[in-house]
Amino acid sequence: MSKTPLGSAIENKFVACGDRYYWDARCTKATGWSQYDTTQDAWYFGVWINKQERKIICYCEGDISITTSPDDKTFELEMQQLNDFHGTPPPAAIGYDADGTRTEYYDNEAAHGRELPK
């Protein structure tokens, strides 16, 4: 098992399940887990977090990385790095008015501390 520069444990695995939706179902049914929205989300990529367990799961094309922070402060720093890397979350929904005006709607909870556009 390796460690991040901040000292969190990283467990790397490979699973032959076909897509991220397996992890969506598994994490959304488990208490404390939530999806971490990114602009790269696709059937082959996803990120989920659990603040209570101080864990981050990243799935990419069958590769799984599970990061476990030893304390709340380290988890906050790991989340800050995740936020810095992924930047502004994508809108949860986009609406168009009759005149063609586009309005983006954001999920504050899914932003996980990232600044949302005005």
N, C-alpha and C. Protein backbone atom coordinates (compact mmCIF):
# COMPACT_ATOMS: atom_id res chain seq x y z
N MET A 1 0.85 -1.17 0.00
CA MET A 1 0.00 0.00 0.00
C MET A 1 0.90 1.23 0.00
N SER A 2 0.57 2.18 -0.86
CA SER A 2 1.37 3.40 -0.94
C SER A 2 0.67 4.53 -0.17
N LYS A 3 1.33 5.69 -0.15
CA LYS A 3 0.78 6.86 0.54
C LYS A 3 0.84 8.07 -0.37
N THR A 4 -0.10 8.99 -0.15
CA THR A 4 -0.08 10.26 -0.86
C THR A 4 1.00 11.14 -0.22
N PRO A 5 1.39 12.24 -0.85
CA PRO A 5 2.35 13.17 -0.23
C PRO A 5 1.86 13.71 1.12
N LEU A 6 0.53 13.70 1.32
CA LEU A 6 -0.03 14.19 2.58
C LEU A 6 -0.10 13.10 3.66
N GLY A 7 0.21 11.86 3.30
CA GLY A 7 0.24 10.78 4.27
C GLY A 7 -0.98 9.88 4.29
N SER A 8 -1.92 10.08 3.39
CA SER A 8 -3.09 9.21 3.31
C SER A 8 -2.70 7.90 2.62
N ALA A 9 -3.32 6.81 3.07
CA ALA A 9 -3.07 5.50 2.47
C ALA A 9 -3.80 5.39 1.14
N ILE A 10 -3.15 4.78 0.15
CA ILE A 10 -3.78 4.54 -1.15
C ILE A 10 -3.75 3.04 -1.43
N GLU A 11 -4.94 2.50 -1.66
CA GLU A 11 -5.06 1.10 -2.05
C GLU A 11 -5.46 1.08 -3.52
N ASN A 12 -4.66 0.46 -4.37
CA ASN A 12 -4.93 0.38 -5.80
C ASN A 12 -5.36 -1.03 -6.16
N LYS A 13 -6.40 -1.11 -6.98
CA LYS A 13 -6.94 -2.39 -7.43
C LYS A 13 -7.30 -2.27 -8.90
N PHE A 14 -7.49 -3.42 -9.50
CA PHE A 14 -8.09 -3.46 -10.84
C PHE A 14 -9.28 -4.40 -10.75
N VAL A 15 -10.42 -3.94 -11.27
CA VAL A 15 -11.61 -4.78 -11.30
C VAL A 15 -12.09 -4.89 -12.73
N ALA A 16 -12.61 -6.03 -13.06
CA ALA A 16 -13.03 -6.26 -14.44
C ALA A 16 -14.52 -5.96 -14.65
N CYS A 17 -15.13 -5.21 -13.72
CA CYS A 17 -16.52 -4.81 -13.98
C CYS A 17 -16.50 -3.79 -15.10
N GLY A 18 -17.54 -3.76 -15.88
CA GLY A 18 -17.53 -3.02 -17.12
C GLY A 18 -17.55 -1.51 -17.07
N ASP A 19 -18.06 -0.89 -15.97
CA ASP A 19 -18.18 0.56 -16.00
C ASP A 19 -18.35 1.15 -14.60
N ARG A 20 -18.41 2.46 -14.52
CA ARG A 20 -18.52 3.18 -13.26
C ARG A 20 -19.86 3.00 -12.58
N TYR A 21 -20.88 2.55 -13.31
CA TYR A 21 -22.21 2.46 -12.75
C TYR A 21 -22.30 1.41 -11.64
N TYR A 22 -21.42 0.44 -11.66
CA TYR A 22 -21.31 -0.50 -10.55
C TYR A 22 -20.97 0.27 -9.28
N TRP A 23 -20.02 1.20 -9.38
CA TRP A 23 -19.60 1.99 -8.22
C TRP A 23 -20.66 3.01 -7.84
N ASP A 24 -21.35 3.57 -8.81
CA ASP A 24 -22.46 4.46 -8.51
C ASP A 24 -23.48 3.75 -7.62
N ALA A 25 -23.89 2.56 -8.03
CA ALA A 25 -24.88 1.80 -7.27
C ALA A 25 -24.35 1.41 -5.89
N ARG A 26 -23.12 0.96 -5.84
CA ARG A 26 -22.53 0.53 -4.58
C ARG A 26 -22.39 1.70 -3.60
N CYS A 27 -21.88 2.83 -4.07
CA CYS A 27 -21.63 3.97 -3.19
C CYS A 27 -22.91 4.69 -2.80
N THR A 28 -23.87 4.80 -3.72
CA THR A 28 -25.08 5.53 -3.37
C THR A 28 -25.96 4.74 -2.40
N LYS A 29 -25.81 3.43 -2.35
CA LYS A 29 -26.56 2.63 -1.38
C LYS A 29 -25.89 2.61 -0.01
N ALA A 30 -24.61 2.89 0.04
CA ALA A 30 -23.86 2.84 1.29
C ALA A 30 -23.96 4.19 2.01
N THR A 31 -24.11 4.14 3.30
CA THR A 31 -24.26 5.35 4.11
C THR A 31 -23.00 6.21 4.06
N GLY A 32 -23.21 7.51 3.85
CA GLY A 32 -22.11 8.46 3.90
C GLY A 32 -21.42 8.73 2.58
N TRP A 33 -21.70 7.97 1.54
CA TRP A 33 -21.03 8.16 0.25
C TRP A 33 -21.81 9.12 -0.62
N SER A 34 -21.09 9.92 -1.39
CA SER A 34 -21.72 10.78 -2.38
C SER A 34 -20.81 10.90 -3.60
N GLN A 35 -21.44 11.14 -4.73
CA GLN A 35 -20.67 11.31 -5.97
C GLN A 35 -19.99 12.66 -5.94
N TYR A 36 -18.80 12.71 -6.47
CA TYR A 36 -18.03 13.94 -6.62
C TYR A 36 -18.05 14.25 -8.10
N ASP A 37 -18.87 15.23 -8.50
CA ASP A 37 -19.05 15.53 -9.92
C ASP A 37 -17.81 16.20 -10.52
N THR A 38 -17.42 15.74 -11.70
CA THR A 38 -16.32 16.34 -12.45
C THR A 38 -16.76 16.52 -13.90
N THR A 39 -16.02 17.31 -14.63
CA THR A 39 -16.32 17.47 -16.05
C THR A 39 -15.88 16.26 -16.86
N GLN A 40 -15.13 15.36 -16.25
CA GLN A 40 -14.68 14.15 -16.95
C GLN A 40 -15.58 12.95 -16.71
N ASP A 41 -16.63 13.08 -15.90
CA ASP A 41 -17.49 11.94 -15.59
C ASP A 41 -17.97 11.27 -16.87
N ALA A 42 -17.86 9.96 -16.90
CA ALA A 42 -18.27 9.17 -18.06
C ALA A 42 -18.48 7.74 -17.59
N TRP A 43 -18.89 6.86 -18.47
CA TRP A 43 -19.11 5.47 -18.07
C TRP A 43 -17.82 4.82 -17.58
N TYR A 44 -16.68 5.36 -17.96
CA TYR A 44 -15.39 4.78 -17.60
C TYR A 44 -14.66 5.56 -16.50
N PHE A 45 -15.27 6.63 -15.95
CA PHE A 45 -14.59 7.44 -14.93
C PHE A 45 -15.59 8.01 -13.93
N GLY A 46 -15.22 7.97 -12.65
CA GLY A 46 -16.05 8.58 -11.61
C GLY A 46 -15.28 8.70 -10.31
N VAL A 47 -15.75 9.60 -9.44
CA VAL A 47 -15.14 9.83 -8.13
C VAL A 47 -16.26 9.88 -7.10
N TRP A 48 -16.03 9.24 -5.93
CA TRP A 48 -16.99 9.26 -4.83
C TRP A 48 -16.24 9.53 -3.55
N ILE A 49 -16.92 10.20 -2.60
CA ILE A 49 -16.26 10.52 -1.33
C ILE A 49 -17.15 10.12 -0.16
N ASN A 50 -16.48 9.87 0.97
CA ASN A 50 -17.17 9.59 2.22
C ASN A 50 -16.45 10.38 3.30
N LYS A 51 -17.07 11.49 3.74
CA LYS A 51 -16.44 12.36 4.73
C LYS A 51 -16.30 11.67 6.08
N GLN A 52 -17.29 10.87 6.48
CA GLN A 52 -17.23 10.20 7.78
C GLN A 52 -16.08 9.20 7.85
N GLU A 53 -15.89 8.45 6.78
CA GLU A 53 -14.80 7.46 6.73
C GLU A 53 -13.50 8.05 6.22
N ARG A 54 -13.54 9.32 5.76
CA ARG A 54 -12.38 10.03 5.21
C ARG A 54 -11.78 9.25 4.03
N LYS A 55 -12.66 8.83 3.10
CA LYS A 55 -12.23 8.03 1.95
C LYS A 55 -12.64 8.70 0.65
N ILE A 56 -11.81 8.49 -0.37
CA ILE A 56 -12.08 8.94 -1.73
C ILE A 56 -11.87 7.74 -2.64
N ILE A 57 -12.86 7.43 -3.45
CA ILE A 57 -12.72 6.35 -4.44
C ILE A 57 -12.68 6.99 -5.82
N CYS A 58 -11.67 6.62 -6.59
CA CYS A 58 -11.57 7.04 -7.99
C CYS A 58 -11.60 5.78 -8.86
N TYR A 59 -12.49 5.77 -9.85
CA TYR A 59 -12.59 4.67 -10.80
C TYR A 59 -12.25 5.20 -12.17
N CYS A 60 -11.33 4.54 -12.85
CA CYS A 60 -10.98 4.91 -14.21
C CYS A 60 -10.64 3.66 -15.01
N GLU A 61 -11.53 3.29 -15.91
CA GLU A 61 -11.32 2.18 -16.84
C GLU A 61 -10.91 0.89 -16.12
N GLY A 62 -11.53 0.62 -14.98
CA GLY A 62 -11.25 -0.61 -14.24
C GLY A 62 -10.24 -0.44 -13.13
N ASP A 63 -9.46 0.63 -13.17
CA ASP A 63 -8.51 0.90 -12.09
C ASP A 63 -9.24 1.62 -10.96
N ILE A 64 -9.06 1.12 -9.75
CA ILE A 64 -9.69 1.69 -8.57
C ILE A 64 -8.59 2.17 -7.63
N SER A 65 -8.71 3.41 -7.17
CA SER A 65 -7.82 3.94 -6.13
C SER A 65 -8.70 4.34 -4.95
N ILE A 66 -8.42 3.79 -3.80
CA ILE A 66 -9.14 4.13 -2.58
C ILE A 66 -8.17 4.83 -1.65
N THR A 67 -8.42 6.12 -1.43
CA THR A 67 -7.57 6.93 -0.56
C THR A 67 -8.25 7.05 0.79
N THR A 68 -7.51 6.72 1.86
CA THR A 68 -8.04 6.82 3.21
C THR A 68 -7.14 7.74 4.02
N SER A 69 -7.71 8.84 4.50
CA SER A 69 -6.95 9.81 5.27
C SER A 69 -6.94 9.43 6.75
N PRO A 70 -5.83 9.67 7.44
CA PRO A 70 -5.72 9.27 8.85
C PRO A 70 -6.50 10.16 9.81
N ASP A 71 -6.84 11.40 9.39
CA ASP A 71 -7.55 12.32 10.27
C ASP A 71 -8.32 13.33 9.41
N ASP A 72 -9.18 14.11 10.07
CA ASP A 72 -10.03 15.07 9.36
C ASP A 72 -9.22 16.14 8.63
N LYS A 73 -8.17 16.63 9.24
CA LYS A 73 -7.35 17.69 8.62
C LYS A 73 -6.71 17.19 7.32
N THR A 74 -6.17 15.99 7.34
CA THR A 74 -5.56 15.42 6.14
C THR A 74 -6.62 15.21 5.06
N PHE A 75 -7.81 14.75 5.46
CA PHE A 75 -8.89 14.57 4.49
C PHE A 75 -9.26 15.90 3.85
N GLU A 76 -9.34 16.97 4.65
CA GLU A 76 -9.64 18.30 4.10
C GLU A 76 -8.59 18.72 3.08
N LEU A 77 -7.33 18.44 3.37
CA LEU A 77 -6.25 18.78 2.43
C LEU A 77 -6.34 17.94 1.16
N GLU A 78 -6.66 16.65 1.31
CA GLU A 78 -6.84 15.78 0.12
C GLU A 78 -8.00 16.31 -0.73
N MET A 79 -9.10 16.72 -0.07
CA MET A 79 -10.24 17.27 -0.79
C MET A 79 -9.87 18.57 -1.49
N GLN A 80 -9.06 19.39 -0.86
CA GLN A 80 -8.63 20.65 -1.49
C GLN A 80 -7.83 20.36 -2.76
N GLN A 81 -6.96 19.36 -2.70
CA GLN A 81 -6.20 18.98 -3.91
C GLN A 81 -7.14 18.47 -4.99
N LEU A 82 -8.14 17.68 -4.60
CA LEU A 82 -9.12 17.17 -5.55
C LEU A 82 -9.88 18.34 -6.18
N ASN A 83 -10.29 19.30 -5.34
CA ASN A 83 -11.01 20.48 -5.84
C ASN A 83 -10.13 21.32 -6.78
N ASP A 84 -8.88 21.50 -6.40
CA ASP A 84 -7.96 22.28 -7.24
C ASP A 84 -7.76 21.59 -8.59
N PHE A 85 -7.64 20.28 -8.59
CA PHE A 85 -7.40 19.54 -9.83
C PHE A 85 -8.62 19.57 -10.74
N HIS A 86 -9.82 19.30 -10.17
CA HIS A 86 -11.02 19.19 -11.01
C HIS A 86 -11.71 20.52 -11.27
N GLY A 87 -11.45 21.52 -10.46
CA GLY A 87 -12.03 22.84 -10.70
C GLY A 87 -13.53 22.88 -10.50
N THR A 88 -14.17 23.82 -11.15
CA THR A 88 -15.61 24.04 -11.02
C THR A 88 -16.38 22.79 -11.44
N PRO A 89 -17.35 22.38 -10.62
CA PRO A 89 -18.14 21.21 -11.01
C PRO A 89 -19.06 21.54 -12.19
N PRO A 90 -19.45 20.53 -12.94
CA PRO A 90 -20.37 20.79 -14.05
C PRO A 90 -21.77 21.09 -13.51
N PRO A 91 -22.61 21.74 -14.30
CA PRO A 91 -23.97 21.99 -13.84
C PRO A 91 -24.74 20.68 -13.66
N ALA A 92 -25.64 20.67 -12.68
CA ALA A 92 -26.49 19.50 -12.47
C ALA A 92 -27.58 19.44 -13.53
N ALA A 93 -27.97 20.61 -14.03
CA ALA A 93 -28.99 20.69 -15.09
C ALA A 93 -28.80 22.00 -15.84
N ILE A 94 -29.27 22.01 -17.08
CA ILE A 94 -29.24 23.22 -17.92
C ILE A 94 -30.64 23.44 -18.46
N GLY A 95 -31.13 24.66 -18.32
CA GLY A 95 -32.45 24.99 -18.84
C GLY A 95 -32.36 26.08 -19.89
N TYR A 96 -33.31 26.07 -20.80
CA TYR A 96 -33.37 27.09 -21.85
C TYR A 96 -34.74 27.75 -21.81
N ASP A 97 -34.75 29.08 -21.76
CA ASP A 97 -35.99 29.83 -21.79
C ASP A 97 -36.50 29.88 -23.23
N ALA A 98 -37.74 30.37 -23.38
CA ALA A 98 -38.35 30.47 -24.71
C ALA A 98 -37.54 31.35 -25.64
N ASP A 99 -36.82 32.34 -25.08
CA ASP A 99 -36.00 33.22 -25.91
C ASP A 99 -34.60 32.66 -26.18
N GLY A 100 -34.35 31.44 -25.69
CA GLY A 100 -33.06 30.81 -25.92
C GLY A 100 -32.03 31.06 -24.84
N THR A 101 -32.40 31.81 -23.80
CA THR A 101 -31.47 32.08 -22.71
C THR A 101 -31.14 30.78 -21.98
N ARG A 102 -29.87 30.54 -21.80
CA ARG A 102 -29.38 29.33 -21.13
C ARG A 102 -29.16 29.63 -19.65
N THR A 103 -29.68 28.76 -18.79
CA THR A 103 -29.48 28.88 -17.35
C THR A 103 -28.90 27.58 -16.83
N GLU A 104 -27.78 27.68 -16.11
CA GLU A 104 -27.15 26.49 -15.53
C GLU A 104 -27.55 26.40 -14.06
N TYR A 105 -27.88 25.20 -13.61
CA TYR A 105 -28.26 24.94 -12.23
C TYR A 105 -27.21 24.03 -11.59
N TYR A 106 -26.79 24.40 -10.40
CA TYR A 106 -25.74 23.66 -9.71
C TYR A 106 -26.26 23.06 -8.41
N ASP A 107 -25.71 21.93 -8.05
CA ASP A 107 -26.04 21.24 -6.81
C ASP A 107 -24.99 21.62 -5.77
N ASN A 108 -25.37 22.45 -4.81
CA ASN A 108 -24.42 22.92 -3.79
C ASN A 108 -23.77 21.76 -3.03
N GLU A 109 -24.54 20.74 -2.72
CA GLU A 109 -24.00 19.61 -1.96
C GLU A 109 -22.97 18.84 -2.79
N ALA A 110 -23.24 18.65 -4.06
CA ALA A 110 -22.33 17.91 -4.94
C ALA A 110 -21.06 18.70 -5.25
N ALA A 111 -21.05 20.00 -4.96
CA ALA A 111 -19.87 20.82 -5.23
C ALA A 111 -18.73 20.49 -4.27
N HIS A 112 -19.05 19.96 -3.09
CA HIS A 112 -18.03 19.56 -2.10
C HIS A 112 -16.99 20.64 -1.86
N GLY A 113 -17.47 21.85 -1.59
CA GLY A 113 -16.57 22.94 -1.23
C GLY A 113 -16.04 23.75 -2.39
N ARG A 114 -16.31 23.35 -3.62
CA ARG A 114 -15.81 24.12 -4.76
C ARG A 114 -16.70 25.33 -5.00
N GLU A 115 -16.11 26.38 -5.50
CA GLU A 115 -16.87 27.59 -5.80
C GLU A 115 -17.71 27.36 -7.04
N LEU A 116 -18.97 27.78 -6.95
CA LEU A 116 -19.89 27.62 -8.07
C LEU A 116 -19.99 28.92 -8.85
N PRO A 117 -20.20 28.83 -10.17
CA PRO A 117 -20.39 30.05 -10.97
C PRO A 117 -21.64 30.79 -10.50
N LYS A 118 -21.63 32.08 -10.70
CA LYS A 118 -22.80 32.91 -10.32
C LYS A 118 -23.83 32.88 -11.40
